[in-house]
PDB file of N, CA and C in Angstrom:
ATOM      1  N   MET A   1       9.391 -10.416  14.140  1.00  0.00           N
ATOM      2  CA  MET A   1       9.683  -9.557  15.226  1.00  0.00           C
ATOM      3  C   MET A   1       9.203  -8.103  14.997  1.00  0.00           C
ATOM      4  N   LEU A   2       8.729  -7.639  16.248  1.00  0.00           N
ATOM      5  CA  LEU A   2       8.339  -6.229  16.214  1.00  0.00           C
ATOM      6  C   LEU A   2       9.633  -5.162  16.179  1.00  0.00           C
ATOM      7  N   THR A   3       9.446  -3.992  15.480  1.00  0.00           N
ATOM      8  CA  THR A   3      10.579  -3.106  15.530  1.00  0.00           C
ATOM      9  C   THR A   3      10.231  -2.226  16.676  1.00  0.00           C
ATOM     10  N   LYS A   4      11.139  -1.523  17.326  1.00  0.00           N
ATOM     11  CA  LYS A   4      11.264  -0.775  18.432  1.00  0.00           C
ATOM     12  C   LYS A   4       9.760   0.324  18.203  1.00  0.00           C
ATOM     13  N   ARG A   5       9.873   1.124  17.212  1.00  0.00           N
ATOM     14  CA  ARG A   5       8.806   1.978  16.820  1.00  0.00           C
ATOM     15  C   ARG A   5       7.258   1.299  16.668  1.00  0.00           C
ATOM     16  N   VAL A   6       7.298   0.197  16.240  1.00  0.00           N
ATOM     17  CA  VAL A   6       5.896  -0.538  16.297  1.00  0.00           C
ATOM     18  C   VAL A   6       5.776  -0.752  17.835  1.00  0.00           C
ATOM     19  N   LYS A   7       6.580  -1.542  18.521  1.00  0.00           N
ATOM     20  CA  LYS A   7       6.032  -1.692  19.933  1.00  0.00           C
ATOM     21  C   LYS A   7       5.804  -0.557  20.762  1.00  0.00           C
ATOM     22  N   VAL A   8       6.465   0.607  20.685  1.00  0.00           N
ATOM     23  CA  VAL A   8       6.257   2.049  21.182  1.00  0.00           C
ATOM     24  C   VAL A   8       4.658   2.661  20.662  1.00  0.00           C
ATOM     25  N   ARG A   9       4.532   2.375  19.365  1.00  0.00           N
ATOM     26  CA  ARG A   9       3.005   2.452  18.987  1.00  0.00           C
ATOM     27  C   ARG A   9       2.087   1.930  19.610  1.00  0.00           C
ATOM     28  N   VAL A  10       2.264   0.563  19.642  1.00  0.00           N
ATOM     29  CA  VAL A  10       1.150  -0.326  20.359  1.00  0.00           C
ATOM     30  C   VAL A  10       0.983  -0.017  21.666  1.00  0.00           C
ATOM     31  N   ILE A  11       2.163   0.136  22.434  1.00  0.00           N
ATOM     32  CA  ILE A  11       2.210   0.388  23.921  1.00  0.00           C
ATOM     33  C   ILE A  11       1.354   1.905  23.907  1.00  0.00           C
ATOM     34  N   ALA A  12       1.425   2.728  23.365  1.00  0.00           N
ATOM     35  CA  ALA A  12       0.849   3.820  23.267  1.00  0.00           C
ATOM     36  C   ALA A  12      -0.478   3.767  23.144  1.00  0.00           C
ATOM     37  N   GLU A  13      -1.184   2.942  21.980  1.00  0.00           N
ATOM     38  CA  GLU A  13      -2.552   2.884  21.878  1.00  0.00           C
ATOM     39  C   GLU A  13      -3.143   2.068  23.172  1.00  0.00           C
ATOM     40  N   HIS A  14      -2.395   1.189  23.785  1.00  0.00           N
ATOM     41  CA  HIS A  14      -3.364   0.283  24.815  1.00  0.00           C
ATOM     42  C   HIS A  14      -2.827   0.532  26.290  1.00  0.00           C
ATOM     43  N   ARG A  15      -2.131   1.604  26.679  1.00  0.00           N
ATOM     44  CA  ARG A  15      -1.713   1.704  28.104  1.00  0.00           C
ATOM     45  C   ARG A  15      -2.656   2.353  28.707  1.00  0.00           C
ATOM     46  N   ARG A  16      -2.887   2.363  30.063  1.00  0.00           N
ATOM     47  CA  ARG A  16      -3.632   2.707  30.919  1.00  0.00           C
ATOM     48  C   ARG A  16      -3.260   4.283  31.348  1.00  0.00           C
ATOM     49  N   HIS A  17      -1.867   4.095  31.644  1.00  0.00           N
ATOM     50  CA  HIS A  17      -1.441   5.738  31.998  1.00  0.00           C
ATOM     51  C   HIS A  17      -0.241   5.767  31.467  1.00  0.00           C
ATOM     52  N   GLU A  18       0.638   6.775  31.884  1.00  0.00           N
ATOM     53  CA  GLU A  18       1.917   7.217  31.220  1.00  0.00           C
ATOM     54  C   GLU A  18       3.007   6.061  31.184  1.00  0.00           C
ATOM     55  N   LYS A  19       3.453   5.503  32.118  1.00  0.00           N
ATOM     56  CA  LYS A  19       4.324   4.607  32.434  1.00  0.00           C
ATOM     57  C   LYS A  19       4.071   3.264  32.242  1.00  0.00           C
ATOM     58  N   ASP A  20       2.642   2.812  31.656  1.00  0.00           N
ATOM     59  CA  ASP A  20       2.340   1.515  31.703  1.00  0.00           C
ATOM     60  C   ASP A  20       2.672   0.641  30.757  1.00  0.00           C
ATOM     61  N   THR A  21       3.481  -0.187  30.616  1.00  0.00           N
ATOM     62  CA  THR A  21       4.107  -1.219  29.718  1.00  0.00           C
ATOM     63  C   THR A  21       3.761  -2.589  29.758  1.00  0.00           C
ATOM     64  N   GLY A  22       3.154  -3.048  30.831  1.00  0.00           N
ATOM     65  CA  GLY A  22       3.024  -4.441  31.255  1.00  0.00           C
ATOM     66  C   GLY A  22       1.468  -4.786  31.589  1.00  0.00           C
ATOM     67  N   SER A  23       0.596  -4.146  31.521  1.00  0.00           N
ATOM     68  CA  SER A  23      -0.640  -4.097  31.925  1.00  0.00           C
ATOM     69  C   SER A  23      -1.458  -5.447  30.682  1.00  0.00           C
ATOM     70  N   ALA A  24      -2.516  -6.114  30.901  1.00  0.00           N
ATOM     71  CA  ALA A  24      -2.981  -7.136  30.287  1.00  0.00           C
ATOM     72  C   ALA A  24      -3.335  -6.494  28.902  1.00  0.00           C
ATOM     73  N   GLU A  25      -3.894  -5.059  28.821  1.00  0.00           N
ATOM     74  CA  GLU A  25      -4.148  -4.648  27.996  1.00  0.00           C
ATOM     75  C   GLU A  25      -2.960  -4.317  26.866  1.00  0.00           C
ATOM     76  N   VAL A  26      -2.015  -3.898  27.267  1.00  0.00           N
ATOM     77  CA  VAL A  26      -0.731  -3.842  26.539  1.00  0.00           C
ATOM     78  C   VAL A  26      -0.179  -5.154  25.868  1.00  0.00           C
ATOM     79  N   GLN A  27      -0.202  -5.963  26.655  1.00  0.00           N
ATOM     80  CA  GLN A  27       0.256  -7.416  26.221  1.00  0.00           C
ATOM     81  C   GLN A  27      -0.659  -7.876  25.524  1.00  0.00           C
ATOM     82  N   ILE A  28      -1.939  -7.859  25.364  1.00  0.00           N
ATOM     83  CA  ILE A  28      -2.815  -8.601  24.384  1.00  0.00           C
ATOM     84  C   ILE A  28      -2.603  -7.615  23.049  1.00  0.00           C
ATOM     85  N   GLY A  29      -2.715  -6.366  23.197  1.00  0.00           N
ATOM     86  CA  GLY A  29      -2.056  -5.652  21.874  1.00  0.00           C
ATOM     87  C   GLY A  29      -0.880  -6.085  21.008  1.00  0.00           C
ATOM     88  N   MET A  30       0.235  -6.204  21.994  1.00  0.00           N
ATOM     89  CA  MET A  30       1.408  -6.801  21.490  1.00  0.00           C
ATOM     90  C   MET A  30       1.461  -7.926  20.974  1.00  0.00           C
ATOM     91  N   ILE A  31       0.848  -8.874  21.640  1.00  0.00           N
ATOM     92  CA  ILE A  31       0.799 -10.544  21.259  1.00  0.00           C
ATOM     93  C   ILE A  31      -0.002 -10.315  19.652  1.00  0.00           C
ATOM     94  N   THR A  32      -1.067  -9.589  19.605  1.00  0.00           N
ATOM     95  CA  THR A  32      -2.307  -9.510  18.555  1.00  0.00           C
ATOM     96  C   THR A  32      -1.206  -8.952  17.248  1.00  0.00           C
ATOM     97  N   ARG A  33      -0.529  -7.871  17.248  1.00  0.00           N
ATOM     98  CA  ARG A  33       0.315  -7.384  16.442  1.00  0.00           C
ATOM     99  C   ARG A  33       1.669  -8.553  15.990  1.00  0.00           C
ATOM    100  N   GLN A  34       1.858  -9.285  16.764  1.00  0.00           N
ATOM    101  CA  GLN A  34       2.988 -10.224  16.728  1.00  0.00           C
ATOM    102  C   GLN A  34       2.410 -11.343  15.667  1.00  0.00           C
ATOM    103  N   MET A  35       1.187 -11.519  16.221  1.00  0.00           N
ATOM    104  CA  MET A  35       0.533 -12.867  15.692  1.00  0.00           C
ATOM    105  C   MET A  35       0.045 -12.424  13.984  1.00  0.00           C
ATOM    106  N   ASP A  36      -0.232 -11.094  13.789  1.00  0.00           N
ATOM    107  CA  ASP A  36      -0.602 -10.658  12.615  1.00  0.00           C
ATOM    108  C   ASP A  36       0.583 -10.616  11.773  1.00  0.00           C
ATOM    109  N   GLU A  37       1.841 -10.630  12.131  1.00  0.00           N
ATOM    110  CA  GLU A  37       2.815 -10.559  11.600  1.00  0.00           C
ATOM    111  C   GLU A  37       3.177 -11.620  11.135  1.00  0.00           C
ATOM    112  N   LEU A  38       3.191 -12.865  12.347  1.00  0.00           N
ATOM    113  CA  LEU A  38       3.385 -13.868  12.115  1.00  0.00           C
ATOM    114  C   LEU A  38       2.601 -14.943  10.943  1.00  0.00           C
ATOM    115  N   ALA A  39       1.424 -14.436  11.016  1.00  0.00           N
ATOM    116  CA  ALA A  39       0.242 -15.062  10.199  1.00  0.00           C
ATOM    117  C   ALA A  39       0.614 -14.785   8.882  1.00  0.00           C
ATOM    118  N   ASN A  40       1.252 -13.437   8.439  1.00  0.00           N
ATOM    119  CA  ASN A  40       1.628 -13.279   6.881  1.00  0.00           C
ATOM    120  C   ASN A  40       2.841 -13.769   6.797  1.00  0.00           C
ATOM    121  N   HIS A  41       3.674 -14.345   7.756  1.00  0.00           N
ATOM    122  CA  HIS A  41       5.088 -14.869   7.489  1.00  0.00           C
ATOM    123  C   HIS A  41       4.504 -16.350   7.001  1.00  0.00           C
ATOM    124  N   LEU A  42       3.725 -16.868   7.706  1.00  0.00           N
ATOM    125  CA  LEU A  42       3.269 -18.531   7.318  1.00  0.00           C
ATOM    126  C   LEU A  42       2.799 -18.424   6.031  1.00  0.00           C
ATOM    127  N   LYS A  43       1.938 -17.430   5.862  1.00  0.00           N
ATOM    128  CA  LYS A  43       1.341 -17.461   4.434  1.00  0.00           C
ATOM    129  C   LYS A  43       2.228 -17.570   3.480  1.00  0.00           C
ATOM    130  N   LYS A  44       3.401 -17.315   3.402  1.00  0.00           N
ATOM    131  CA  LYS A  44       4.587 -16.887   2.378  1.00  0.00           C
ATOM    132  C   LYS A  44       5.517 -18.288   2.559  1.00  0.00           C
ATOM    133  N   ASN A  45       5.466 -18.623   4.010  1.00  0.00           N
ATOM    134  CA  ASN A  45       6.188 -19.820   4.147  1.00  0.00           C
ATOM    135  C   ASN A  45       5.371 -21.009   4.878  1.00  0.00           C
ATOM    136  N   PRO A  46       4.591 -21.710   3.894  1.00  0.00           N
ATOM    137  CA  PRO A  46       3.613 -22.665   4.593  1.00  0.00           C
ATOM    138  C   PRO A  46       4.572 -23.868   5.528  1.00  0.00           C
ATOM    139  N   LYS A  47       5.736 -24.195   5.007  1.00  0.00           N
ATOM    140  CA  LYS A  47       6.227 -25.409   5.812  1.00  0.00           C
ATOM    141  C   LYS A  47       7.057 -24.954   6.924  1.00  0.00           C
ATOM    142  N   ASP A  48       7.039 -23.932   7.691  1.00  0.00           N
ATOM    143  CA  ASP A  48       7.728 -23.243   8.618  1.00  0.00           C
ATOM    144  C   ASP A  48       6.942 -23.840   9.746  1.00  0.00           C
ATOM    145  N   HIS A  49       7.274 -24.764  10.405  1.00  0.00           N
ATOM    146  CA  HIS A  49       6.349 -25.460  11.296  1.00  0.00           C
ATOM    147  C   HIS A  49       7.089 -24.912  12.529  1.00  0.00           C
ATOM    148  N   HIS A  50       8.144 -24.646  12.741  1.00  0.00           N
ATOM    149  CA  HIS A  50       8.604 -24.011  13.974  1.00  0.00           C
ATOM    150  C   HIS A  50       7.715 -22.873  14.699  1.00  0.00           C
ATOM    151  N   SER A  51       7.680 -22.011  13.535  1.00  0.00           N
ATOM    152  CA  SER A  51       7.071 -20.500  13.500  1.00  0.00           C
ATOM    153  C   SER A  51       5.396 -20.749  13.779  1.00  0.00           C
ATOM    154  N   ARG A  52       5.078 -21.974  13.253  1.00  0.00           N
ATOM    155  CA  ARG A  52       3.542 -21.865  13.450  1.00  0.00           C
ATOM    156  C   ARG A  52       3.342 -22.620  14.845  1.00  0.00           C
ATOM    157  N   ARG A  53       4.391 -23.414  15.624  1.00  0.00           N
ATOM    158  CA  ARG A  53       4.216 -23.613  17.010  1.00  0.00           C
ATOM    159  C   ARG A  53       4.408 -22.633  17.492  1.00  0.00           C
ATOM    160  N   GLY A  54       5.187 -21.509  17.499  1.00  0.00           N
ATOM    161  CA  GLY A  54       5.121 -20.178  18.251  1.00  0.00           C
ATOM    162  C   GLY A  54       4.053 -19.597  18.195  1.00  0.00           C
ATOM    163  N   LEU A  55       3.094 -19.360  16.918  1.00  0.00           N
ATOM    164  CA  LEU A  55       2.145 -18.646  16.840  1.00  0.00           C
ATOM    165  C   LEU A  55       0.947 -19.516  17.726  1.00  0.00           C
ATOM    166  N   LEU A  56       0.908 -20.820  17.791  1.00  0.00           N
ATOM    167  CA  LEU A  56       0.078 -21.230  18.652  1.00  0.00           C
ATOM    168  C   LEU A  56       0.082 -21.041  20.031  1.00  0.00           C
ATOM    169  N   ASN A  57       1.287 -20.972  20.490  1.00  0.00           N
ATOM    170  CA  ASN A  57       1.613 -20.458  21.774  1.00  0.00           C
ATOM    171  C   ASN A  57       1.115 -19.287  21.932  1.00  0.00           C
ATOM    172  N   MET A  58       1.275 -18.228  21.259  1.00  0.00           N
ATOM    173  CA  MET A  58       0.944 -16.825  21.370  1.00  0.00           C
ATOM    174  C   MET A  58      -0.762 -16.723  21.176  1.00  0.00           C
ATOM    175  N   VAL A  59      -1.354 -17.630  20.698  1.00  0.00           N
ATOM    176  CA  VAL A  59      -2.826 -17.616  20.691  1.00  0.00           C
ATOM    177  C   VAL A  59      -3.396 -18.260  21.954  1.00  0.00           C
ATOM    178  N   SER A  60      -2.563 -19.374  22.657  1.00  0.00           N
ATOM    179  CA  SER A  60      -2.942 -19.809  23.838  1.00  0.00           C
ATOM    180  C   SER A  60      -2.828 -18.630  24.997  1.00  0.00           C
ATOM    181  N   HIS A  61      -1.489 -17.914  24.828  1.00  0.00           N
ATOM    182  CA  HIS A  61      -1.186 -16.794  25.841  1.00  0.00           C
ATOM    183  C   HIS A  61      -2.380 -15.781  25.713  1.00  0.00           C
ATOM    184  N   ARG A  62      -2.663 -15.134  24.396  1.00  0.00           N
ATOM    185  CA  ARG A  62      -3.614 -14.256  24.646  1.00  0.00           C
ATOM    186  C   ARG A  62      -4.789 -14.678  24.944  1.00  0.00           C
ATOM    187  N   ARG A  63      -5.287 -15.912  24.685  1.00  0.00           N
ATOM    188  CA  ARG A  63      -6.449 -16.312  25.214  1.00  0.00           C
ATOM    189  C   ARG A  63      -6.784 -16.029  26.662  1.00  0.00           C
ATOM    190  N   LYS A  64      -5.593 -16.607  27.567  1.00  0.00           N
ATOM    191  CA  LYS A  64      -5.655 -16.870  28.808  1.00  0.00           C
ATOM    192  C   LYS A  64      -5.613 -15.290  29.236  1.00  0.00           C
ATOM    193  N   LEU A  65      -4.950 -14.547  28.824  1.00  0.00           N
ATOM    194  CA  LEU A  65      -5.058 -13.136  29.236  1.00  0.00           C
ATOM    195  C   LEU A  65      -6.330 -12.387  29.016  1.00  0.00           C
ATOM    196  N   LEU A  66      -6.913 -12.771  28.038  1.00  0.00           N
ATOM    197  CA  LEU A  66      -8.336 -12.154  27.540  1.00  0.00           C
ATOM    198  C   LEU A  66      -9.073 -12.609  28.587  1.00  0.00           C
ATOM    199  N   ALA A  67      -9.135 -14.140  29.067  1.00  0.00           N
ATOM    200  CA  ALA A  67      -9.934 -14.754  30.097  1.00  0.00           C
ATOM    201  C   ALA A  67      -9.859 -13.883  31.370  1.00  0.00           C
ATOM    202  N   TYR A  68      -8.599 -13.673  31.599  1.00  0.00           N
ATOM    203  CA  TYR A  68      -8.245 -12.782  33.137  1.00  0.00           C
ATOM    204  C   TYR A  68      -8.792 -11.483  32.937  1.00  0.00           C
ATOM    205  N   LEU A  69      -8.651 -10.714  31.783  1.00  0.00           N
ATOM    206  CA  LEU A  69      -9.352  -9.584  31.613  1.00  0.00           C
ATOM    207  C   LEU A  69     -10.691  -9.534  31.685  1.00  0.00           C
ATOM    208  N   SER A  70     -11.400 -10.615  31.082  1.00  0.00           N
ATOM    209  CA  SER A  70     -12.981 -10.757  31.177  1.00  0.00           C
ATOM    210  C   SER A  70     -13.451 -11.031  32.460  1.00  0.00           C
ATOM    211  N   LYS A  71     -12.889 -11.493  33.506  1.00  0.00           N
ATOM    212  CA  LYS A  71     -13.221 -11.798  34.576  1.00  0.00           C
ATOM    213  C   LYS A  71     -12.862 -10.260  35.665  1.00  0.00           C
ATOM    214  N   LYS A  72     -11.889  -9.834  35.718  1.00  0.00           N
ATOM    215  CA  LYS A  72     -11.357  -8.728  36.422  1.00  0.00           C
ATOM    216  C   LYS A  72     -12.038  -7.631  36.012  1.00  0.00           C
ATOM    217  N   LYS A  73     -11.941  -7.066  34.623  1.00  0.00           N
ATOM    218  CA  LYS A  73     -12.409  -5.794  34.194  1.00  0.00           C
ATOM    219  C   LYS A  73     -13.322  -6.105  32.825  1.00  0.00           C
ATOM    220  N   PRO A  74     -14.620  -6.465  32.934  1.00  0.00           N
ATOM    221  CA  PRO A  74     -15.429  -6.728  31.778  1.00  0.00           C
ATOM    222  C   PRO A  74     -15.525  -5.658  30.917  1.00  0.00           C
ATOM    223  N   GLN A  75     -15.693  -4.419  31.319  1.00  0.00           N
ATOM    224  CA  GLN A  75     -16.023  -3.213  30.534  1.00  0.00           C
ATOM    225  C   GLN A  75     -14.672  -3.049  29.760  1.00  0.00           C
ATOM    226  N   THR A  76     -13.498  -3.008  30.240  1.00  0.00           N
ATOM    227  CA  THR A  76     -12.173  -3.073  29.500  1.00  0.00           C
ATOM    228  C   THR A  76     -12.031  -3.930  28.611  1.00  0.00           C
ATOM    229  N   TYR A  77     -12.358  -5.014  29.075  1.00  0.00           N
ATOM    230  CA  TYR A  77     -12.491  -6.194  28.006  1.00  0.00           C
ATOM    231  C   TYR A  77     -13.104  -6.249  26.775  1.00  0.00           C
ATOM    232  N   ALA A  78     -14.616  -5.572  26.840  1.00  0.00           N
ATOM    233  CA  ALA A  78     -15.395  -5.258  25.800  1.00  0.00           C
ATOM    234  C   ALA A  78     -14.910  -4.127  25.136  1.00  0.00           C
ATOM    235  N   LYS A  79     -14.061  -3.249  25.482  1.00  0.00           N
ATOM    236  CA  LYS A  79     -13.473  -2.162  24.501  1.00  0.00           C
ATOM    237  C   LYS A  79     -12.375  -2.793  23.736  1.00  0.00           C
ATOM    238  N   LEU A  80     -11.453  -3.597  24.363  1.00  0.00           N
ATOM    239  CA  LEU A  80     -10.424  -3.862  23.696  1.00  0.00           C
ATOM    240  C   LEU A  80     -10.675  -5.053  22.711  1.00  0.00           C
ATOM    241  N   ILE A  81     -12.055  -5.402  22.940  1.00  0.00           N
ATOM    242  CA  ILE A  81     -12.329  -6.668  21.827  1.00  0.00           C
ATOM    243  C   ILE A  81     -12.586  -6.052  20.494  1.00  0.00           C
ATOM    244  N   LYS A  82     -13.442  -4.879  20.976  1.00  0.00           N
ATOM    245  CA  LYS A  82     -14.016  -4.044  19.656  1.00  0.00           C
ATOM    246  C   LYS A  82     -12.423  -3.202  18.971  1.00  0.00           C
ATOM    247  N   LYS A  83     -11.771  -2.912  19.992  1.00  0.00           N
ATOM    248  CA  LYS A  83     -10.599  -2.140  19.201  1.00  0.00           C
ATOM    249  C   LYS A  83      -9.988  -2.951  18.630  1.00  0.00           C
ATOM    250  N   LEU A  84      -9.382  -4.036  19.003  1.00  0.00           N
ATOM    251  CA  LEU A  84      -8.808  -5.203  18.196  1.00  0.00           C
ATOM    252  C   LEU A  84      -9.223  -6.056  16.979  1.00  0.00           C
ATOM    253  N   GLU A  85     -10.672  -5.698  16.964  1.00  0.00           N
ATOM    254  CA  GLU A  85     -11.469  -6.537  16.274  1.00  0.00           C
ATOM    255  C   GLU A  85     -11.306  -8.049  16.140  1.00  0.00           C
ATOM    256  N   LEU A  86     -11.606  -8.649  17.617  1.00  0.00           N
ATOM    257  CA  LEU A  86     -11.278  -9.746  17.819  1.00  0.00           C
ATOM    258  C   LEU A  86     -12.701 -10.625  17.837  1.00  0.00           C
ATOM    259  N   LYS A  87     -12.789 -11.794  17.729  1.00  0.00           N
ATOM    260  CA  LYS A  87     -14.306 -12.476  17.728  1.00  0.00           C
ATOM    261  C   LYS A  87     -14.081 -12.889  19.034  1.00  0.00           C
ATOM    262  N   LYS A  88     -15.261 -12.382  19.686  1.00  0.00           N
ATOM    263  CA  LYS A  88     -15.442 -12.996  21.012  1.00  0.00           C
ATOM    264  C   LYS A  88     -17.031 -12.783  21.424  1.00  0.00           C
TER     265      LYS A  88
END
C-alpha cells in the first residue's frame, strides 16, 4: 500500500498540469510504484498467492494504459517508458 506522501510524490513527477491526478501518465506511474512494492513483498512471502493475483491484475491494467498512450500520444509514451525504465 502506498502512503499519502509517496502518492503525492508520484503524482508530482508525472502530472501534466497543476491539478492533474488521473491522466494515463499518473496512473501508469502509480501502478508501477505499487507493483515495485508488491514485488518486494512477494520476494519475502513467496506463498502469498492472493497478492500475486493482484500483481498480475496490475500488470494487465498498466499494459492496457500503455497501449492507449502509445496510440494517442506516442511522444509522451516514449518519454514515460524512458523515465520509468520499462522494457518496450
